[in-house]
Amino acid sequence: MTPRRGTRTFKRRSRGATLAEFVVVGPLAFLLILAIVQLGFMFMARSTLNQAAFMAAREGALRNADPAVIRSALVKGLIPFYQDTTQSNDVMRLSTAWLAAQGDLLVPTRLKIDILNPTPGSFKDWGVSDPSNGNRRYIPNDNLQFRPVSVGTHSKQTLMDANLLRIRVTYAYELKVPLISYIYTRVMCGGSGGGVTAFGDDTTLLDAAGPISNCIDYQQGRTPIVAYATVRMQTPAIEP
């Protein structure tokens, strides 16, 4: 009978252990689930941005690498981020999404486009002045198989290399999952008057330099997503 009493005492003392464990582990597990869901959204957003960047680069290749044309095509590619899926009328849904994208992307920190190639050195090495266009330089695009294959002094490129259009797109994607944006801000930017030092970007909101700052994105509940696209020019690239 004595062992039986000991067992009962042990069971009585073990009551509530599960609740104590849940109080410790539960919040962390909940945050981990939220982070996984947000990571899934970000993966889908990255795929959308990759497609939009390719569309923009392809349009730029057909239109002399014009930055305005590239941006316009990119905005069209980003329309899926702004669609109201509850709207059954396709024309109304896409029109509203396009207007929303135009308005949102007017904010300088939302979208940044960098033309990585052709470089200024490419135009120095291979550019030809066009008197009919204010002597702006363009890179020849025709009969490349018969043109020189030497490497330029400034760009370290051949003419074929200079005819590749490569862009980098940085888009500030809005974080959708609750609490995640707050955690991002605290971890990446620190708190006001203290907090954690940013290990992804040690630039704080007060001393952020340049039109795009990761800290500014995090403070607005967004995170920067970067995509690259490279296509061959189908028209002569004109110097901006």
Protein backbone atom coordinates (compact mmCIF):
# COMPACT_ATOMS: atom_id res chain seq x y z
CA MET A 1 0.00 0.00 0.00
CA THR A 2 2.89 2.35 0.65
CA PRO A 3 4.07 2.46 -3.00
CA ARG A 4 0.52 3.25 -4.07
CA ARG A 5 0.45 6.34 -1.87
CA GLY A 6 3.76 7.45 -3.31
CA THR A 7 2.40 7.15 -6.84
CA ARG A 8 -0.64 9.22 -5.95
CA THR A 9 1.57 11.86 -4.38
CA PHE A 10 3.76 11.98 -7.49
CA LYS A 11 0.72 12.37 -9.76
CA ARG A 12 -0.70 15.08 -7.52
CA ARG A 13 2.57 17.01 -7.66
CA SER A 14 2.80 16.63 -11.47
CA ARG A 15 -0.49 18.38 -12.12
CA GLY A 16 -0.08 21.68 -13.99
CA ALA A 17 3.31 20.77 -15.49
CA THR A 18 1.88 20.82 -19.02
CA LEU A 19 0.47 24.30 -18.51
CA ALA A 20 3.82 25.57 -17.26
CA GLU A 21 5.59 24.08 -20.27
CA PHE A 22 3.02 25.57 -22.64
CA VAL A 23 3.44 29.03 -21.09
CA VAL A 24 7.16 28.83 -21.83
CA VAL A 25 7.09 27.16 -25.26
CA GLY A 26 3.69 28.30 -26.59
CA PRO A 27 4.54 31.93 -27.45
CA LEU A 28 7.77 30.91 -29.17
CA ALA A 29 6.01 28.20 -31.17
CA PHE A 30 3.27 30.67 -32.12
CA LEU A 31 5.82 33.21 -33.36
CA LEU A 32 7.65 30.48 -35.27
CA ILE A 33 4.42 29.51 -37.05
CA LEU A 34 3.74 33.14 -37.94
CA ALA A 35 7.29 33.51 -39.26
CA ILE A 36 6.90 30.39 -41.43
CA VAL A 37 3.64 31.72 -42.89
CA GLN A 38 5.26 35.09 -43.61
CA LEU A 39 8.24 33.35 -45.21
CA GLY A 40 5.85 31.56 -47.54
CA PHE A 41 4.26 34.86 -48.54
CA MET A 42 7.71 36.33 -49.17
CA PHE A 43 8.67 33.38 -51.37
CA MET A 44 5.57 33.95 -53.51
CA ALA A 45 6.32 37.68 -53.60
CA ARG A 46 9.86 36.98 -54.78
CA SER A 47 8.52 34.85 -57.64
CA THR A 48 6.15 37.66 -58.65
CA LEU A 49 8.97 40.20 -58.48
CA ASN A 50 11.24 38.00 -60.61
CA GLN A 51 8.58 37.83 -63.30
CA ALA A 52 7.96 41.59 -63.12
CA ALA A 53 11.69 42.32 -63.39
CA PHE A 54 11.98 40.10 -66.46
CA MET A 55 8.99 41.82 -68.08
CA ALA A 56 10.56 45.22 -67.38
CA ALA A 57 13.95 44.18 -68.79
CA ARG A 58 12.34 42.71 -71.90
CA GLU A 59 10.40 45.92 -72.49
CA GLY A 60 13.56 47.96 -71.96
CA ALA A 61 15.44 45.82 -74.48
CA LEU A 62 12.83 46.72 -77.09
CA ARG A 63 12.81 50.43 -76.22
CA ASN A 64 16.48 51.52 -76.12
CA ALA A 65 16.90 50.77 -72.39
CA ASP A 66 14.74 53.77 -71.53
CA PRO A 67 14.46 53.98 -67.69
CA ALA A 68 10.91 55.40 -67.89
CA VAL A 69 9.77 52.50 -70.08
CA ILE A 70 11.42 49.98 -67.74
CA ARG A 71 9.68 51.49 -64.72
CA SER A 72 6.29 51.56 -66.45
CA ALA A 73 6.56 47.89 -67.41
CA LEU A 74 7.70 47.01 -63.91
CA VAL A 75 4.68 48.69 -62.33
CA LYS A 76 2.43 46.60 -64.57
CA GLY A 77 4.23 43.48 -63.43
CA LEU A 78 3.67 44.42 -59.78
CA ILE A 79 -0.11 44.73 -60.18
CA PRO A 80 -0.71 41.27 -58.55
CA PHE A 81 0.42 42.76 -55.22
CA TYR A 82 -2.46 45.26 -55.31
CA GLN A 83 -5.37 43.16 -56.58
CA ASP A 84 -8.60 42.80 -54.62
CA THR A 85 -9.38 39.12 -55.02
CA THR A 86 -12.96 39.65 -53.84
CA GLN A 87 -13.69 41.75 -56.95
CA SER A 88 -15.34 39.55 -59.58
CA ASN A 89 -15.18 42.07 -62.44
CA ASP A 90 -11.77 41.54 -64.05
CA VAL A 91 -11.62 44.94 -65.74
CA MET A 92 -12.52 46.77 -62.54
CA ARG A 93 -10.17 44.63 -60.46
CA LEU A 94 -7.15 45.18 -62.73
CA SER A 95 -7.88 48.89 -63.23
CA THR A 96 -8.16 49.46 -59.49
CA ALA A 97 -4.98 47.46 -58.86
CA TRP A 98 -3.08 49.46 -61.49
CA LEU A 99 -4.16 52.76 -59.93
CA ALA A 100 -3.24 51.48 -56.46
CA ALA A 101 0.19 50.39 -57.71
CA GLN A 102 0.80 53.76 -59.37
CA GLY A 103 -0.09 55.62 -56.19
CA ASP A 104 1.86 53.38 -53.82
CA LEU A 105 5.01 53.29 -55.93
CA LEU A 106 5.19 57.09 -56.06
CA VAL A 107 6.74 56.84 -52.58
CA PRO A 108 10.54 56.85 -53.21
CA THR A 109 11.25 54.11 -50.67
CA ARG A 110 8.84 51.63 -52.25
CA LEU A 111 10.68 50.85 -55.48
CA LYS A 112 14.20 51.27 -56.81
CA ILE A 113 15.48 50.30 -60.25
CA ASP A 114 19.21 50.14 -61.01
CA ILE A 115 20.48 49.62 -64.55
CA LEU A 116 23.66 47.62 -63.98
CA ASN A 117 24.50 47.19 -67.65
CA PRO A 118 25.24 48.95 -69.97
CA THR A 119 27.52 50.92 -67.65
CA PRO A 120 28.87 54.45 -68.22
CA GLY A 121 32.10 52.76 -69.29
CA SER A 122 30.16 50.81 -71.94
CA PHE A 123 29.04 54.05 -73.56
CA LYS A 124 32.58 55.46 -73.35
CA ASP A 125 34.02 52.44 -75.12
CA TRP A 126 31.30 51.63 -77.64
CA GLY A 127 28.99 54.63 -77.75
CA VAL A 128 28.37 56.42 -81.05
CA SER A 129 27.13 60.02 -81.05
CA ASP A 130 23.78 60.60 -82.74
CA PRO A 131 23.52 64.15 -84.17
CA SER A 132 19.78 63.73 -84.70
CA ASN A 133 19.30 63.08 -80.96
CA GLY A 134 21.34 65.88 -79.43
CA ASN A 135 24.61 63.95 -79.85
CA ARG A 136 23.51 61.43 -77.26
CA ARG A 137 25.53 58.25 -77.49
CA TYR A 138 24.06 54.89 -78.39
CA ILE A 139 25.58 51.42 -78.47
CA PRO A 140 25.30 49.76 -81.92
CA ASN A 141 23.11 46.69 -81.93
CA ASP A 142 23.17 45.48 -85.52
CA ASN A 143 25.52 43.03 -87.27
CA LEU A 144 27.26 42.11 -84.02
CA GLN A 145 28.76 38.98 -85.56
CA PHE A 146 30.83 41.17 -87.89
CA ARG A 147 31.93 43.75 -85.32
CA PRO A 148 35.16 43.76 -83.27
CA VAL A 149 35.47 41.37 -80.34
CA SER A 150 38.11 43.43 -78.56
CA VAL A 151 37.67 44.42 -74.90
CA GLY A 152 36.96 48.06 -74.09
CA THR A 153 39.36 50.08 -71.94
CA HIS A 154 36.82 51.59 -69.52
CA SER A 155 34.16 48.88 -69.32
CA LYS A 156 36.35 45.78 -69.75
CA GLN A 157 33.58 44.52 -72.04
CA THR A 158 33.21 43.48 -75.62
CA LEU A 159 30.52 45.08 -77.75
CA MET A 160 28.36 41.97 -77.28
CA ASP A 161 28.70 42.29 -73.51
CA ALA A 162 27.69 45.94 -73.72
CA ASN A 163 24.51 44.87 -75.52
CA LEU A 164 23.25 43.00 -72.47
CA LEU A 165 20.65 44.84 -70.42
CA ARG A 166 20.86 43.91 -66.74
CA ILE A 167 18.65 45.51 -64.11
CA ARG A 168 18.29 45.20 -60.35
CA VAL A 169 14.89 45.82 -58.78
CA THR A 170 14.41 46.48 -55.06
CA TYR A 171 10.80 46.40 -53.92
CA ALA A 172 9.59 47.14 -50.39
CA TYR A 173 7.15 44.29 -49.82
CA GLU A 174 4.46 44.81 -47.20
CA LEU A 175 4.56 42.22 -44.42
CA LYS A 176 1.08 40.72 -44.06
CA VAL A 177 1.36 38.54 -40.95
CA PRO A 178 0.61 40.23 -37.58
CA LEU A 179 3.51 40.82 -35.16
CA ILE A 180 6.16 39.94 -37.74
CA SER A 181 6.62 43.52 -38.93
CA TYR A 182 7.09 44.68 -35.32
CA ILE A 183 9.68 41.97 -34.68
CA TYR A 184 11.48 42.88 -37.91
CA THR A 185 11.63 46.52 -36.85
CA ARG A 186 12.96 45.74 -33.37
CA VAL A 187 15.58 43.28 -34.57
CA MET A 188 16.78 45.09 -37.70
CA CYS A 189 16.55 48.71 -36.52
CA GLY A 190 16.55 48.54 -32.73
CA GLY A 191 14.23 50.49 -30.46
CA SER A 192 14.03 54.21 -29.88
CA GLY A 193 16.58 55.11 -27.24
CA GLY A 194 17.88 51.55 -27.02
CA GLY A 195 17.07 48.04 -28.12
CA VAL A 196 18.91 45.55 -30.24
CA THR A 197 21.56 46.69 -32.65
CA ALA A 198 20.65 45.84 -36.21
CA PHE A 199 22.67 42.90 -37.46
CA GLY A 200 21.22 43.01 -40.95
CA ASP A 201 21.67 46.74 -41.42
CA ASP A 202 23.22 48.94 -38.75
CA THR A 203 21.71 52.08 -40.29
CA THR A 204 19.10 53.61 -38.02
CA LEU A 205 16.12 55.62 -39.18
CA LEU A 206 17.67 58.91 -38.04
CA ASP A 207 20.94 58.58 -39.94
CA ALA A 208 19.68 56.65 -42.97
CA ALA A 209 21.38 57.78 -46.17
CA GLY A 210 20.08 57.57 -49.70
CA PRO A 211 16.59 57.18 -51.14
CA ILE A 212 16.28 53.56 -50.06
CA SER A 213 17.06 52.37 -46.54
CA ASN A 214 16.21 48.97 -45.19
CA CYS A 215 15.51 50.52 -41.81
CA ILE A 216 12.95 52.87 -43.31
CA ASP A 217 11.27 49.88 -44.97
CA TYR A 218 11.08 47.98 -41.67
CA GLN A 219 9.68 51.03 -39.87
CA GLN A 220 6.87 51.07 -42.43
CA GLY A 221 6.05 47.38 -41.97
CA ARG A 222 7.86 46.34 -45.15
CA THR A 223 10.93 44.36 -46.11
CA PRO A 224 13.11 44.83 -49.22
CA ILE A 225 13.04 42.08 -51.84
CA VAL A 226 15.62 42.15 -54.65
CA ALA A 227 15.36 40.63 -58.13
CA TYR A 228 17.69 40.68 -61.14
CA ALA A 229 16.96 40.28 -64.84
CA THR A 230 19.30 40.06 -67.83
CA VAL A 231 18.24 40.15 -71.49
CA ARG A 232 19.98 40.93 -74.77
CA MET A 233 19.23 44.31 -76.29
CA GLN A 234 17.00 44.23 -79.36
CA THR A 235 17.48 47.95 -80.04
CA PRO A 236 20.48 50.26 -79.57
CA ALA A 237 20.86 51.28 -75.92
CA ILE A 238 20.75 55.08 -75.65
CA GLU A 239 22.75 56.80 -72.91
CA PRO A 240 20.42 58.26 -70.24
